Amino acid sequence: MSDPTSKRRVFSGIQPSGNLHLGNYLGAIRRWVDEQGEKENFICVVDLHAVTVYQDPDELRDQTRRLMAFLLAAGIDPRRTTLFVQSHVRAHAEGAWLLNCVTPIGWLERMTQYKAKAAKQESVLTGLMTYPVLQAADILLYSAHEVPVGEDQKQHIELARDIAQRYNHLYGPTLVVPEPMIPKVGARIMGLDDPTAKMSKSSASVRGHAVALTDSDDEIRRAIKRAVTDSGREIVFDDSPEKAGVNNLLTIYQVLTSKSQDEVEADFSTARGYGDLKKTVAEVVIDAVAPIRSRYEELMEDRGELDRLMAIGAERARSIAEPKVREMKEKMGFIVPAEL
């Protein structure tokens, strides 16, 4: 078990697929950056999760590098955060198999995301059903106390808790039971074209849906100018469906400025309408995205530096994950050679 006197550990994972957008940054990445000094953070680029559906090999390699570069450009500090690629730490795959062997299949069949995705496919791959167990391994190998997630991922963390408790019941205290942490603000940034649906990486290339982190200043202004609002003029936080677009723009502004709802509404109390709201939000977004875009471009041009930083993160992750897998194997009755 983890040392109770040490910092609380936080584990987060992000898939190297689709285009990173403002929702990814505000919903997760910015919070990871801001909280680096408070806790012991582990951020994993979960490329093993990505292949639960077919990935073009060259595209997967490219997307993995791009995501690493974006995370670093956004402010993830490899001196304070363990940032690594999942497949670079073999303990994840081995730990997932050990946990598969204590997880009842009924637990996996009831997973909401599995049922929704399986219903859309003619042939369901095994990895689609078992990837929540791999996700549990990701978390449990690092004795993580907290897992920041959106509401749509809460069920997966509850599964990880169930798996940890079942393992501990069978083999004795070994795995820390994690807690889901759902941010109160900015956890769900909605699409600019449809403010009732979460901004999505798979739809980020659709015109008007999102602000991509690679967008130019002018592209950002155009995207936010086209954002769906309503026929009114009042600029206040309002959870009613017809005000979803305005609410989304205000949430973006609030998260980027770190202001309270009252302060945000005060900022727009003299605005002449939604045009003023969109102009102000666009400039705040540009101020946040422009330096990330510039640093990202620098990192993508220096493959050697990117590879060096990936290797540092993987070595640090292995130093924690591999002893945990060894402990799990020993408790399950495996003969573990001294060199492993």
C-alpha atoms as a PDB file:
ATOM      1  CA  MET A   1       0.000   0.000   0.000  1.00  0.00           C
ATOM      2  CA  SER A   2       1.091   3.614  -0.488  1.00  0.00           C
ATOM      3  CA  ASP A   3       2.790   5.653   2.224  1.00  0.00           C
ATOM      4  CA  PRO A   4       0.036   7.674   3.967  1.00  0.00           C
ATOM      5  CA  THR A   5       2.498  10.452   4.794  1.00  0.00           C
ATOM      6  CA  SER A   6       3.323  11.113   1.115  1.00  0.00           C
ATOM      7  CA  LYS A   7       1.449  13.435  -1.265  1.00  0.00           C
ATOM      8  CA  ARG A   8      -1.845  12.143  -2.583  1.00  0.00           C
ATOM      9  CA  ARG A   9      -1.423  10.640  -6.025  1.00  0.00           C
ATOM     10  CA  VAL A  10      -3.540  11.604  -9.014  1.00  0.00           C
ATOM     11  CA  PHE A  11      -3.747   9.588 -12.228  1.00  0.00           C
ATOM     12  CA  SER A  12      -5.114  10.903 -15.518  1.00  0.00           C
ATOM     13  CA  GLY A  13      -5.171   9.371 -18.992  1.00  0.00           C
ATOM     14  CA  ILE A  14      -5.831  10.810 -22.438  1.00  0.00           C
ATOM     15  CA  GLN A  15      -6.107   8.999 -25.776  1.00  0.00           C
ATOM     16  CA  PRO A  16      -3.881   9.944 -28.748  1.00  0.00           C
ATOM     17  CA  SER A  17      -6.771  10.147 -31.208  1.00  0.00           C
ATOM     18  CA  GLY A  18      -8.597  12.999 -32.883  1.00  0.00           C
ATOM     19  CA  ASN A  19      -7.678  16.675 -32.718  1.00  0.00           C
ATOM     20  CA  LEU A  20      -7.018  18.332 -29.358  1.00  0.00           C
ATOM     21  CA  HIS A  21      -9.373  21.239 -28.835  1.00  0.00           C
ATOM     22  CA  LEU A  22     -10.344  23.903 -26.338  1.00  0.00           C
ATOM     23  CA  GLY A  23     -12.614  21.484 -24.474  1.00  0.00           C
ATOM     24  CA  ASN A  24      -9.695  19.122 -23.792  1.00  0.00           C
ATOM     25  CA  TYR A  25      -7.592  22.035 -22.559  1.00  0.00           C
ATOM     26  CA  LEU A  26     -10.215  23.605 -20.311  1.00  0.00           C
ATOM     27  CA  GLY A  27     -11.820  20.370 -19.171  1.00  0.00           C
ATOM     28  CA  ALA A  28      -8.623  18.601 -18.137  1.00  0.00           C
ATOM     29  CA  ILE A  29      -5.213  19.799 -19.321  1.00  0.00           C
ATOM     30  CA  ARG A  30      -5.310  23.276 -17.777  1.00  0.00           C
ATOM     31  CA  ARG A  31      -6.333  21.800 -14.440  1.00  0.00           C
ATOM     32  CA  TRP A  32      -3.464  19.294 -14.631  1.00  0.00           C
ATOM     33  CA  VAL A  33      -1.056  22.187 -15.170  1.00  0.00           C
ATOM     34  CA  ASP A  34      -2.484  24.307 -12.345  1.00  0.00           C
ATOM     35  CA  GLU A  35      -2.434  21.472  -9.803  1.00  0.00           C
ATOM     36  CA  GLN A  36       1.086  20.162 -10.465  1.00  0.00           C
ATOM     37  CA  GLY A  37       2.520  21.464  -7.234  1.00  0.00           C
ATOM     38  CA  GLU A  38      -0.313  20.284  -4.995  1.00  0.00           C
ATOM     39  CA  LYS A  39      -0.198  16.508  -5.516  1.00  0.00           C
ATOM     40  CA  GLU A  40       1.866  13.747  -7.103  1.00  0.00           C
ATOM     41  CA  ASN A  41       0.554  13.667 -10.649  1.00  0.00           C
ATOM     42  CA  PHE A  42       0.752  10.914 -13.268  1.00  0.00           C
ATOM     43  CA  ILE A  43      -0.470  11.665 -16.791  1.00  0.00           C
ATOM     44  CA  CYS A  44      -0.560   8.828 -19.286  1.00  0.00           C
ATOM     45  CA  VAL A  45      -0.988   8.957 -23.065  1.00  0.00           C
ATOM     46  CA  VAL A  46      -3.117   5.824 -23.327  1.00  0.00           C
ATOM     47  CA  ASP A  47      -2.154   4.433 -26.720  1.00  0.00           C
ATOM     48  CA  LEU A  48      -3.120   0.880 -25.684  1.00  0.00           C
ATOM     49  CA  HIS A  49      -6.673   2.116 -25.197  1.00  0.00           C
ATOM     50  CA  ALA A  50      -6.632   3.684 -28.651  1.00  0.00           C
ATOM     51  CA  VAL A  51      -6.267   0.322 -30.419  1.00  0.00           C
ATOM     52  CA  THR A  52      -9.588  -1.025 -29.101  1.00  0.00           C
ATOM     53  CA  VAL A  53     -10.640   0.175 -32.557  1.00  0.00           C
ATOM     54  CA  TYR A  54      -8.396  -0.056 -35.635  1.00  0.00           C
ATOM     55  CA  GLN A  55      -5.743   2.645 -35.895  1.00  0.00           C
ATOM     56  CA  ASP A  56      -3.539   3.333 -38.876  1.00  0.00           C
ATOM     57  CA  PRO A  57      -0.036   2.565 -37.481  1.00  0.00           C
ATOM     58  CA  ASP A  58       1.641   5.678 -38.884  1.00  0.00           C
ATOM     59  CA  GLU A  59      -1.240   7.861 -37.742  1.00  0.00           C
ATOM     60  CA  LEU A  60      -1.132   6.404 -34.225  1.00  0.00           C
ATOM     61  CA  ARG A  61       2.601   7.112 -33.916  1.00  0.00           C
ATOM     62  CA  ASP A  62       2.078  10.659 -35.192  1.00  0.00           C
ATOM     63  CA  GLN A  63      -0.885  11.298 -32.904  1.00  0.00           C
ATOM     64  CA  THR A  64       1.048  10.027 -29.879  1.00  0.00           C
ATOM     65  CA  ARG A  65       3.928  12.401 -30.546  1.00  0.00           C
ATOM     66  CA  ARG A  66       1.557  15.284 -31.171  1.00  0.00           C
ATOM     67  CA  LEU A  67      -0.303  14.695 -27.934  1.00  0.00           C
ATOM     68  CA  MET A  68       2.922  14.530 -25.930  1.00  0.00           C
ATOM     69  CA  ALA A  69       4.045  17.787 -27.536  1.00  0.00           C
ATOM     70  CA  PHE A  70       0.724  19.473 -26.789  1.00  0.00           C
ATOM     71  CA  LEU A  71       0.761  18.425 -23.133  1.00  0.00           C
ATOM     72  CA  LEU A  72       4.279  19.744 -22.693  1.00  0.00           C
ATOM     73  CA  ALA A  73       3.455  22.939 -24.600  1.00  0.00           C
ATOM     74  CA  ALA A  74       0.397  23.504 -22.401  1.00  0.00           C
ATOM     75  CA  GLY A  75       2.619  23.565 -19.331  1.00  0.00           C
ATOM     76  CA  ILE A  76       2.969  19.997 -18.074  1.00  0.00           C
ATOM     77  CA  ASP A  77       6.362  20.073 -16.343  1.00  0.00           C
ATOM     78  CA  PRO A  78       8.190  16.700 -16.540  1.00  0.00           C
ATOM     79  CA  ARG A  79      10.105  17.672 -13.382  1.00  0.00           C
ATOM     80  CA  ARG A  80       6.862  17.845 -11.366  1.00  0.00           C
ATOM     81  CA  THR A  81       4.563  15.479 -13.267  1.00  0.00           C
ATOM     82  CA  THR A  82       5.235  11.953 -14.475  1.00  0.00           C
ATOM     83  CA  LEU A  83       4.173  12.238 -18.122  1.00  0.00           C
ATOM     84  CA  PHE A  84       4.547   9.044 -20.151  1.00  0.00           C
ATOM     85  CA  VAL A  85       3.224   6.830 -22.942  1.00  0.00           C
ATOM     86  CA  GLN A  86       1.238   3.818 -21.739  1.00  0.00           C
ATOM     87  CA  SER A  87       2.807   1.242 -24.070  1.00  0.00           C
ATOM     88  CA  HIS A  88       6.290   2.259 -22.869  1.00  0.00           C
ATOM     89  CA  VAL A  89       5.466   0.668 -19.500  1.00  0.00           C
ATOM     90  CA  ARG A  90       4.830  -3.055 -19.972  1.00  0.00           C
ATOM     91  CA  ALA A  91       3.375  -3.365 -16.485  1.00  0.00           C
ATOM     92  CA  HIS A  92       0.111  -1.892 -17.780  1.00  0.00           C
ATOM     93  CA  ALA A  93      -0.596  -4.828 -20.075  1.00  0.00           C
ATOM     94  CA  GLU A  94       0.562  -7.399 -17.509  1.00  0.00           C
ATOM     95  CA  GLY A  95      -1.379  -5.765 -14.690  1.00  0.00           C
ATOM     96  CA  ALA A  96      -4.518  -5.657 -16.837  1.00  0.00           C
ATOM     97  CA  TRP A  97      -4.305  -9.426 -17.404  1.00  0.00           C
ATOM     98  CA  LEU A  98      -3.973 -10.087 -13.678  1.00  0.00           C
ATOM     99  CA  LEU A  99      -7.005  -7.907 -12.994  1.00  0.00           C
ATOM    100  CA  ASN A 100      -8.983  -9.483 -15.850  1.00  0.00           C
ATOM    101  CA  CYS A 101      -8.634 -12.745 -13.967  1.00  0.00           C
ATOM    102  CA  VAL A 102     -10.445 -11.362 -10.894  1.00  0.00           C
ATOM    103  CA  THR A 103     -13.120  -9.358 -12.765  1.00  0.00           C
ATOM    104  CA  PRO A 104     -16.538 -10.993 -13.362  1.00  0.00           C
ATOM    105  CA  ILE A 105     -17.652 -10.593 -16.976  1.00  0.00           C
ATOM    106  CA  GLY A 106     -21.034  -9.350 -15.776  1.00  0.00           C
ATOM    107  CA  TRP A 107     -19.334  -6.231 -14.408  1.00  0.00           C
ATOM    108  CA  LEU A 108     -18.047  -5.441 -17.897  1.00  0.00           C
ATOM    109  CA  GLU A 109     -21.283  -6.211 -19.710  1.00  0.00           C
ATOM    110  CA  ARG A 110     -23.149  -3.616 -17.656  1.00  0.00           C
ATOM    111  CA  MET A 111     -20.774  -0.783 -18.563  1.00  0.00           C
ATOM    112  CA  THR A 112     -22.799   1.970 -20.240  1.00  0.00           C
ATOM    113  CA  GLN A 113     -20.107   3.027 -22.724  1.00  0.00           C
ATOM    114  CA  TYR A 114     -19.460  -0.583 -23.749  1.00  0.00           C
ATOM    115  CA  LYS A 115     -23.145  -1.176 -24.462  1.00  0.00           C
ATOM    116  CA  ALA A 116     -23.449   2.058 -26.443  1.00  0.00           C
ATOM    117  CA  LYS A 117     -20.342   1.411 -28.558  1.00  0.00           C
ATOM    118  CA  ALA A 118     -21.057  -2.290 -29.073  1.00  0.00           C
ATOM    119  CA  ALA A 119     -24.534  -1.480 -30.377  1.00  0.00           C
ATOM    120  CA  LYS A 120     -22.958   0.487 -33.241  1.00  0.00           C
ATOM    121  CA  GLN A 121     -20.610  -2.322 -34.369  1.00  0.00           C
ATOM    122  CA  GLU A 122     -21.282  -5.488 -36.341  1.00  0.00           C
ATOM    123  CA  SER A 123     -18.377  -7.302 -34.673  1.00  0.00           C
ATOM    124  CA  VAL A 124     -17.314  -6.357 -31.145  1.00  0.00           C
ATOM    125  CA  LEU A 125     -13.614  -6.768 -30.382  1.00  0.00           C
ATOM    126  CA  THR A 126     -12.542  -8.246 -27.054  1.00  0.00           C
ATOM    127  CA  GLY A 127     -10.529  -5.127 -26.265  1.00  0.00           C
ATOM    128  CA  LEU A 128     -13.670  -2.995 -26.328  1.00  0.00           C
ATOM    129  CA  MET A 129     -15.165  -5.033 -23.511  1.00  0.00           C
ATOM    130  CA  THR A 130     -12.023  -5.386 -21.420  1.00  0.00           C
ATOM    131  CA  TYR A 131     -10.526  -1.918 -21.801  1.00  0.00           C
ATOM    132  CA  PRO A 132     -12.153  -0.730 -18.524  1.00  0.00           C
ATOM    133  CA  VAL A 133      -9.977  -3.347 -16.797  1.00  0.00           C
ATOM    134  CA  LEU A 134      -6.901  -1.901 -18.502  1.00  0.00           C
ATOM    135  CA  GLN A 135      -8.087   1.496 -17.301  1.00  0.00           C
ATOM    136  CA  ALA A 136      -8.323   0.089 -13.777  1.00  0.00           C
ATOM    137  CA  ALA A 137      -4.769  -1.246 -14.091  1.00  0.00           C
ATOM    138  CA  ASP A 138      -3.563   2.175 -15.246  1.00  0.00           C
ATOM    139  CA  ILE A 139      -4.885   3.681 -12.023  1.00  0.00           C
ATOM    140  CA  LEU A 140      -4.166   0.910  -9.536  1.00  0.00           C
ATOM    141  CA  LEU A 141      -0.541   0.334 -10.581  1.00  0.00           C
ATOM    142  CA  TYR A 142       0.319   3.806  -9.259  1.00  0.00           C
ATOM    143  CA  SER A 143      -1.698   3.570  -6.023  1.00  0.00           C
ATOM    144  CA  ALA A 144      -3.610   6.637  -7.180  1.00  0.00           C
ATOM    145  CA  HIS A 145      -5.943   8.172  -4.626  1.00  0.00           C
ATOM    146  CA  GLU A 146      -7.761  10.446  -7.062  1.00  0.00           C
ATOM    147  CA  VAL A 147      -8.809  10.238 -10.722  1.00  0.00           C
ATOM    148  CA  PRO A 148     -10.154  13.483 -12.255  1.00  0.00           C
ATOM    149  CA  VAL A 149     -12.895  12.542 -14.729  1.00  0.00           C
ATOM    150  CA  GLY A 150     -16.023  13.849 -16.366  1.00  0.00           C
ATOM    151  CA  GLU A 151     -19.397  12.517 -15.339  1.00  0.00           C
ATOM    152  CA  ASP A 152     -19.346  10.156 -18.353  1.00  0.00           C
ATOM    153  CA  GLN A 153     -16.290   8.326 -16.970  1.00  0.00           C
ATOM    154  CA  LYS A 154     -17.418   8.026 -13.363  1.00  0.00           C
ATOM    155  CA  GLN A 155     -18.760   4.493 -13.890  1.00  0.00           C
ATOM    156  CA  HIS A 156     -15.308   3.338 -15.009  1.00  0.00           C
ATOM    157  CA  ILE A 157     -13.704   4.621 -11.812  1.00  0.00           C
ATOM    158  CA  GLU A 158     -16.389   2.876  -9.804  1.00  0.00           C
ATOM    159  CA  LEU A 159     -15.425  -0.329 -11.643  1.00  0.00           C
ATOM    160  CA  ALA A 160     -11.762   0.255 -10.749  1.00  0.00           C
ATOM    161  CA  ARG A 161     -12.832   0.573  -7.111  1.00  0.00           C
ATOM    162  CA  ASP A 162     -14.783  -2.690  -7.318  1.00  0.00           C
ATOM    163  CA  ILE A 163     -11.841  -4.492  -8.902  1.00  0.00           C
ATOM    164  CA  ALA A 164      -9.392  -3.178  -6.280  1.00  0.00           C
ATOM    165  CA  GLN A 165     -11.681  -4.222  -3.442  1.00  0.00           C
ATOM    166  CA  ARG A 166     -12.201  -7.687  -4.932  1.00  0.00           C
ATOM    167  CA  TYR A 167      -8.441  -8.178  -5.414  1.00  0.00           C
ATOM    168  CA  ASN A 168      -7.745  -7.047  -1.848  1.00  0.00           C
ATOM    169  CA  HIS A 169     -10.432  -9.414  -0.544  1.00  0.00           C
ATOM    170  CA  LEU A 170      -8.919 -12.367  -2.417  1.00  0.00           C
ATOM    171  CA  TYR A 171      -5.217 -11.712  -1.850  1.00  0.00           C
ATOM    172  CA  GLY A 172      -4.908  -9.234   1.005  1.00  0.00           C
ATOM    173  CA  PRO A 173      -4.343  -5.444   1.129  1.00  0.00           C
ATOM    174  CA  THR A 174      -2.438  -4.542  -2.037  1.00  0.00           C
ATOM    175  CA  LEU A 175      -4.298  -1.945  -4.116  1.00  0.00           C
ATOM    176  CA  VAL A 176      -5.373   1.563  -3.153  1.00  0.00           C
ATOM    177  CA  VAL A 177      -9.093   2.128  -3.787  1.00  0.00           C
ATOM    178  CA  PRO A 178      -9.280   5.350  -5.874  1.00  0.00           C
ATOM    179  CA  GLU A 179     -11.839   8.140  -5.747  1.00  0.00           C
ATOM    180  CA  PRO A 180     -13.349   9.862  -8.811  1.00  0.00           C
ATOM    181  CA  MET A 181     -12.899  13.641  -8.753  1.00  0.00           C
ATOM    182  CA  ILE A 182     -15.384  15.574 -10.904  1.00  0.00           C
ATOM    183  CA  PRO A 183     -14.501  19.280 -11.330  1.00  0.00           C
ATOM    184  CA  LYS A 184     -17.356  21.706 -10.630  1.00  0.00           C
ATOM    185  CA  VAL A 185     -16.399  24.168 -13.370  1.00  0.00           C
ATOM    186  CA  GLY A 186     -15.266  23.488 -16.914  1.00  0.00           C
ATOM    187  CA  ALA A 187     -15.574  19.722 -16.793  1.00  0.00           C
ATOM    188  CA  ARG A 188     -17.829  19.727 -19.848  1.00  0.00           C
ATOM    189  CA  ILE A 189     -17.143  22.300 -22.549  1.00  0.00           C
ATOM    190  CA  MET A 190     -19.836  21.988 -25.194  1.00  0.00           C
ATOM    191  CA  GLY A 191     -19.663  22.162 -28.980  1.00  0.00           C
ATOM    192  CA  LEU A 192     -19.872  25.646 -30.492  1.00  0.00           C
ATOM    193  CA  ASP A 193     -22.223  24.328 -33.189  1.00  0.00           C
ATOM    194  CA  ASP A 194     -24.347  22.313 -30.750  1.00  0.00           C
ATOM    195  CA  PRO A 195     -24.119  23.528 -27.140  1.00  0.00           C
ATOM    196  CA  THR A 196     -26.164  20.546 -25.950  1.00  0.00           C
ATOM    197  CA  ALA A 197     -23.384  18.075 -26.889  1.00  0.00           C
ATOM    198  CA  LYS A 198     -19.907  17.847 -25.388  1.00  0.00           C
ATOM    199  CA  MET A 199     -17.061  19.209 -27.530  1.00  0.00           C
ATOM    200  CA  SER A 200     -15.548  16.104 -29.117  1.00  0.00           C
ATOM    201  CA  LYS A 201     -12.113  15.218 -30.492  1.00  0.00           C
ATOM    202  CA  SER A 202     -13.748  13.058 -33.167  1.00  0.00           C
ATOM    203  CA  SER A 203     -15.780  16.069 -34.360  1.00  0.00           C
ATOM    204  CA  ALA A 204     -13.110  18.730 -33.832  1.00  0.00           C
ATOM    205  CA  SER A 205     -12.367  18.927 -37.572  1.00  0.00           C
ATOM    206  CA  VAL A 206     -16.023  19.752 -38.347  1.00  0.00           C
ATOM    207  CA  ARG A 207     -16.295  23.417 -39.239  1.00  0.00           C
ATOM    208  CA  GLY A 208     -17.640  25.474 -36.362  1.00  0.00           C
ATOM    209  CA  HIS A 209     -17.675  22.651 -33.809  1.00  0.00           C
ATOM    210  CA  ALA A 210     -14.560  23.444 -31.800  1.00  0.00           C
ATOM    211  CA  VAL A 211     -11.457  25.573 -31.408  1.00  0.00           C
ATOM    212  CA  ALA A 212      -8.477  23.349 -32.179  1.00  0.00           C
ATOM    213  CA  LEU A 213      -5.266  24.066 -30.300  1.00  0.00           C
ATOM    214  CA  THR A 214      -3.540  24.445 -33.686  1.00  0.00           C
ATOM    215  CA  ASP A 215      -6.002  27.080 -34.938  1.00  0.00           C
ATOM    216  CA  SER A 216      -4.684  30.509 -35.909  1.00  0.00           C
ATOM    217  CA  ASP A 217      -5.944  33.620 -34.153  1.00  0.00           C
ATOM    218  CA  ASP A 218      -8.273  34.416 -37.050  1.00  0.00           C
ATOM    219  CA  GLU A 219      -9.633  30.858 -37.118  1.00  0.00           C
ATOM    220  CA  ILE A 220     -10.407  31.124 -33.404  1.00  0.00           C
ATOM    221  CA  ARG A 221     -12.272  34.402 -33.922  1.00  0.00           C
ATOM    222  CA  ARG A 222     -14.305  32.922 -36.791  1.00  0.00           C
ATOM    223  CA  ALA A 223     -15.189  29.767 -34.825  1.00  0.00           C
ATOM    224  CA  ILE A 224     -16.445  31.678 -31.794  1.00  0.00           C
ATOM    225  CA  LYS A 225     -18.245  34.262 -33.927  1.00  0.00           C
ATOM    226  CA  ARG A 226     -20.266  31.395 -35.447  1.00  0.00           C
ATOM    227  CA  ALA A 227     -21.083  29.863 -32.046  1.00  0.00           C
ATOM    228  CA  VAL A 228     -24.765  29.013 -31.622  1.00  0.00           C
ATOM    229  CA  THR A 229     -26.595  31.223 -29.119  1.00  0.00           C
ATOM    230  CA  ASP A 230     -30.283  32.271 -29.101  1.00  0.00           C
ATOM    231  CA  SER A 231     -32.495  35.228 -29.999  1.00  0.00           C
ATOM    232  CA  GLY A 232     -32.101  36.978 -26.635  1.00  0.00           C
ATOM    233  CA  ARG A 233     -29.603  39.529 -25.345  1.00  0.00           C
ATOM    234  CA  GLU A 234     -29.177  38.831 -21.623  1.00  0.00           C
ATOM    235  CA  ILE A 235     -25.665  37.613 -20.784  1.00  0.00           C
ATOM    236  CA  VAL A 236     -26.018  35.601 -17.571  1.00  0.00           C
ATOM    237  CA  PHE A 237     -25.473  32.016 -16.483  1.00  0.00           C
ATOM    238  CA  ASP A 238     -28.696  30.120 -17.164  1.00  0.00           C
ATOM    239  CA  ASP A 239     -29.119  26.327 -17.214  1.00  0.00           C
ATOM    240  CA  SER A 240     -32.224  26.403 -19.393  1.00  0.00           C
ATOM    241  CA  PRO A 241     -31.837  24.571 -22.757  1.00  0.00           C
ATOM    242  CA  GLU A 242     -32.424  27.686 -24.864  1.00  0.00           C
ATOM    243  CA  LYS A 243     -29.511  29.481 -23.136  1.00  0.00           C
ATOM    244  CA  ALA A 244     -27.044  26.579 -23.550  1.00  0.00           C
ATOM    245  CA  GLY A 245     -24.926  28.451 -26.097  1.00  0.00           C
ATOM    246  CA  VAL A 246     -24.514  31.563 -23.946  1.00  0.00           C
ATOM    247  CA  ASN A 247     -23.885  29.411 -20.891  1.00  0.00           C
ATOM    248  CA  ASN A 248     -21.119  27.579 -22.771  1.00  0.00           C
ATOM    249  CA  LEU A 249     -19.378  30.798 -23.827  1.00  0.00           C
ATOM    250  CA  LEU A 250     -19.590  32.156 -20.283  1.00  0.00           C
ATOM    251  CA  THR A 251     -18.160  28.916 -18.906  1.00  0.00           C
ATOM    252  CA  ILE A 252     -15.214  29.127 -21.317  1.00  0.00           C
ATOM    253  CA  TYR A 253     -14.592  32.710 -20.194  1.00  0.00           C
ATOM    254  CA  GLN A 254     -14.961  31.794 -16.509  1.00  0.00           C
ATOM    255  CA  VAL A 255     -12.487  28.904 -16.644  1.00  0.00           C
ATOM    256  CA  LEU A 256      -9.891  30.945 -18.556  1.00  0.00           C
ATOM    257  CA  THR A 257     -10.156  33.969 -16.260  1.00  0.00           C
ATOM    258  CA  SER A 258     -10.621  32.019 -12.992  1.00  0.00           C
ATOM    259  CA  LYS A 259     -13.433  34.393 -12.018  1.00  0.00           C
ATOM    260  CA  SER A 260     -16.618  33.658 -10.099  1.00  0.00           C
ATOM    261  CA  GLN A 261     -19.999  33.588 -11.856  1.00  0.00           C
ATOM    262  CA  ASP A 262     -20.899  36.951 -10.336  1.00  0.00           C
ATOM    263  CA  GLU A 263     -17.641  38.480 -11.590  1.00  0.00           C
ATOM    264  CA  VAL A 264     -18.164  37.044 -15.071  1.00  0.00           C
ATOM    265  CA  GLU A 265     -21.696  38.428 -15.294  1.00  0.00           C
ATOM    266  CA  ALA A 266     -20.433  41.803 -14.069  1.00  0.00           C
ATOM    267  CA  ASP A 267     -17.851  41.848 -16.876  1.00  0.00           C
ATOM    268  CA  PHE A 268     -20.660  41.613 -19.442  1.00  0.00           C
ATOM    269  CA  SER A 269     -23.262  43.771 -17.683  1.00  0.00           C
ATOM    270  CA  THR A 270     -22.669  46.656 -20.133  1.00  0.00           C
ATOM    271  CA  ALA A 271     -22.239  44.497 -23.249  1.00  0.00           C
ATOM    272  CA  ARG A 272     -24.478  45.438 -26.158  1.00  0.00           C
ATOM    273  CA  GLY A 273     -25.309  41.854 -27.049  1.00  0.00           C
ATOM    274  CA  TYR A 274     -23.921  38.486 -27.973  1.00  0.00           C
ATOM    275  CA  GLY A 275     -21.558  40.046 -30.497  1.00  0.00           C
ATOM    276  CA  ASP A 276     -19.657  41.712 -27.657  1.00  0.00           C
ATOM    277  CA  LEU A 277     -19.695  38.468 -25.682  1.00  0.00           C
ATOM    278  CA  LYS A 278     -18.200  36.495 -28.571  1.00  0.00           C
ATOM    279  CA  LYS A 279     -15.497  39.106 -29.279  1.00  0.00           C
ATOM    280  CA  THR A 280     -14.394  39.159 -25.644  1.00  0.00           C
ATOM    281  CA  VAL A 281     -14.409  35.368 -25.305  1.00  0.00           C
ATOM    282  CA  ALA A 282     -12.439  35.012 -28.554  1.00  0.00           C
ATOM    283  CA  GLU A 283      -9.650  37.294 -27.334  1.00  0.00           C
ATOM    284  CA  VAL A 284      -9.397  35.462 -24.006  1.00  0.00           C
ATOM    285  CA  VAL A 285      -9.166  32.151 -25.878  1.00  0.00           C
ATOM    286  CA  ILE A 286      -6.475  33.522 -28.205  1.00  0.00           C
ATOM    287  CA  ASP A 287      -4.419  34.701 -25.229  1.00  0.00           C
ATOM    288  CA  ALA A 288      -4.509  31.139 -23.867  1.00  0.00           C
ATOM    289  CA  VAL A 289      -4.034  29.169 -27.096  1.00  0.00           C
ATOM    290  CA  ALA A 290      -1.413  31.232 -28.964  1.00  0.00           C
ATOM    291  CA  PRO A 291       1.571  30.452 -26.661  1.00  0.00           C
ATOM    292  CA  ILE A 292       0.605  26.756 -26.555  1.00  0.00           C
ATOM    293  CA  ARG A 293       0.504  26.636 -30.348  1.00  0.00           C
ATOM    294  CA  SER A 294       3.924  28.303 -30.602  1.00  0.00           C
ATOM    295  CA  ARG A 295       5.607  25.966 -28.086  1.00  0.00           C
ATOM    296  CA  TYR A 296       3.946  22.935 -29.695  1.00  0.00           C
ATOM    297  CA  GLU A 297       5.429  23.834 -33.077  1.00  0.00           C
ATOM    298  CA  GLU A 298       8.895  24.129 -31.514  1.00  0.00           C
ATOM    299  CA  LEU A 299       8.626  20.696 -29.876  1.00  0.00           C
ATOM    300  CA  MET A 300       7.415  19.005 -33.041  1.00  0.00           C
ATOM    301  CA  GLU A 301      10.490  20.289 -34.847  1.00  0.00           C
ATOM    302  CA  ASP A 302      12.825  18.800 -32.202  1.00  0.00           C
ATOM    303  CA  ARG A 303      12.094  15.061 -32.213  1.00  0.00           C
ATOM    304  CA  GLY A 304      15.184  14.289 -30.139  1.00  0.00           C
ATOM    305  CA  GLU A 305      14.014  16.449 -27.240  1.00  0.00           C
ATOM    306  CA  LEU A 306      10.530  14.974 -27.404  1.00  0.00           C
ATOM    307  CA  ASP A 307      11.938  11.440 -27.331  1.00  0.00           C
ATOM    308  CA  ARG A 308      14.188  12.354 -24.393  1.00  0.00           C
ATOM    309  CA  LEU A 309      11.251  13.640 -22.365  1.00  0.00           C
ATOM    310  CA  MET A 310       9.168  10.553 -23.208  1.00  0.00           C
ATOM    311  CA  ALA A 311      11.993   8.304 -22.004  1.00  0.00           C
ATOM    312  CA  ILE A 312      12.309  10.198 -18.699  1.00  0.00           C
ATOM    313  CA  GLY A 313       8.601   9.842 -18.009  1.00  0.00           C
ATOM    314  CA  ALA A 314       8.529   6.149 -18.904  1.00  0.00           C
ATOM    315  CA  GLU A 315      11.495   5.349 -16.646  1.00  0.00           C
ATOM    316  CA  ARG A 316       9.882   7.102 -13.693  1.00  0.00           C
ATOM    317  CA  ALA A 317       6.551   5.351 -14.322  1.00  0.00           C
ATOM    318  CA  ARG A 318       8.235   1.936 -14.587  1.00  0.00           C
ATOM    319  CA  SER A 319       9.959   2.481 -11.248  1.00  0.00           C
ATOM    320  CA  ILE A 320       6.527   2.529  -9.595  1.00  0.00           C
ATOM    321  CA  ALA A 321       4.382   0.276 -11.800  1.00  0.00           C
ATOM    322  CA  GLU A 322       6.779  -2.666 -12.077  1.00  0.00           C
ATOM    323  CA  PRO A 323       7.178  -3.218  -8.296  1.00  0.00           C
ATOM    324  CA  LYS A 324       3.394  -3.110  -7.948  1.00  0.00           C
ATOM    325  CA  VAL A 325       2.945  -5.799 -10.606  1.00  0.00           C
ATOM    326  CA  ARG A 326       5.613  -7.876  -8.898  1.00  0.00           C
ATOM    327  CA  GLU A 327       3.755  -7.555  -5.585  1.00  0.00           C
ATOM    328  CA  MET A 328       0.491  -8.555  -7.264  1.00  0.00           C
ATOM    329  CA  LYS A 329       2.073 -11.599  -8.902  1.00  0.00           C
ATOM    330  CA  GLU A 330       3.708 -12.770  -5.710  1.00  0.00           C
ATOM    331  CA  LYS A 331       0.434 -12.525  -3.794  1.00  0.00           C
ATOM    332  CA  MET A 332      -1.360 -14.467  -6.529  1.00  0.00           C
ATOM    333  CA  GLY A 333       1.118 -17.330  -6.250  1.00  0.00           C
ATOM    334  CA  PHE A 334       3.460 -16.762  -9.181  1.00  0.00           C
ATOM    335  CA  ILE A 335       7.154 -17.582  -8.912  1.00  0.00           C
ATOM    336  CA  VAL A 336       8.743 -14.238  -9.739  1.00  0.00           C
ATOM    337  CA  PRO A 337      12.438 -14.359 -10.740  1.00  0.00           C
ATOM    338  CA  ALA A 338      14.675 -11.969  -8.818  1.00  0.00           C
ATOM    339  CA  GLU A 339      15.598 -10.001 -11.951  1.00  0.00           C
ATOM    340  CA  LEU A 340      11.953  -9.178 -12.781  1.00  0.00           C
END
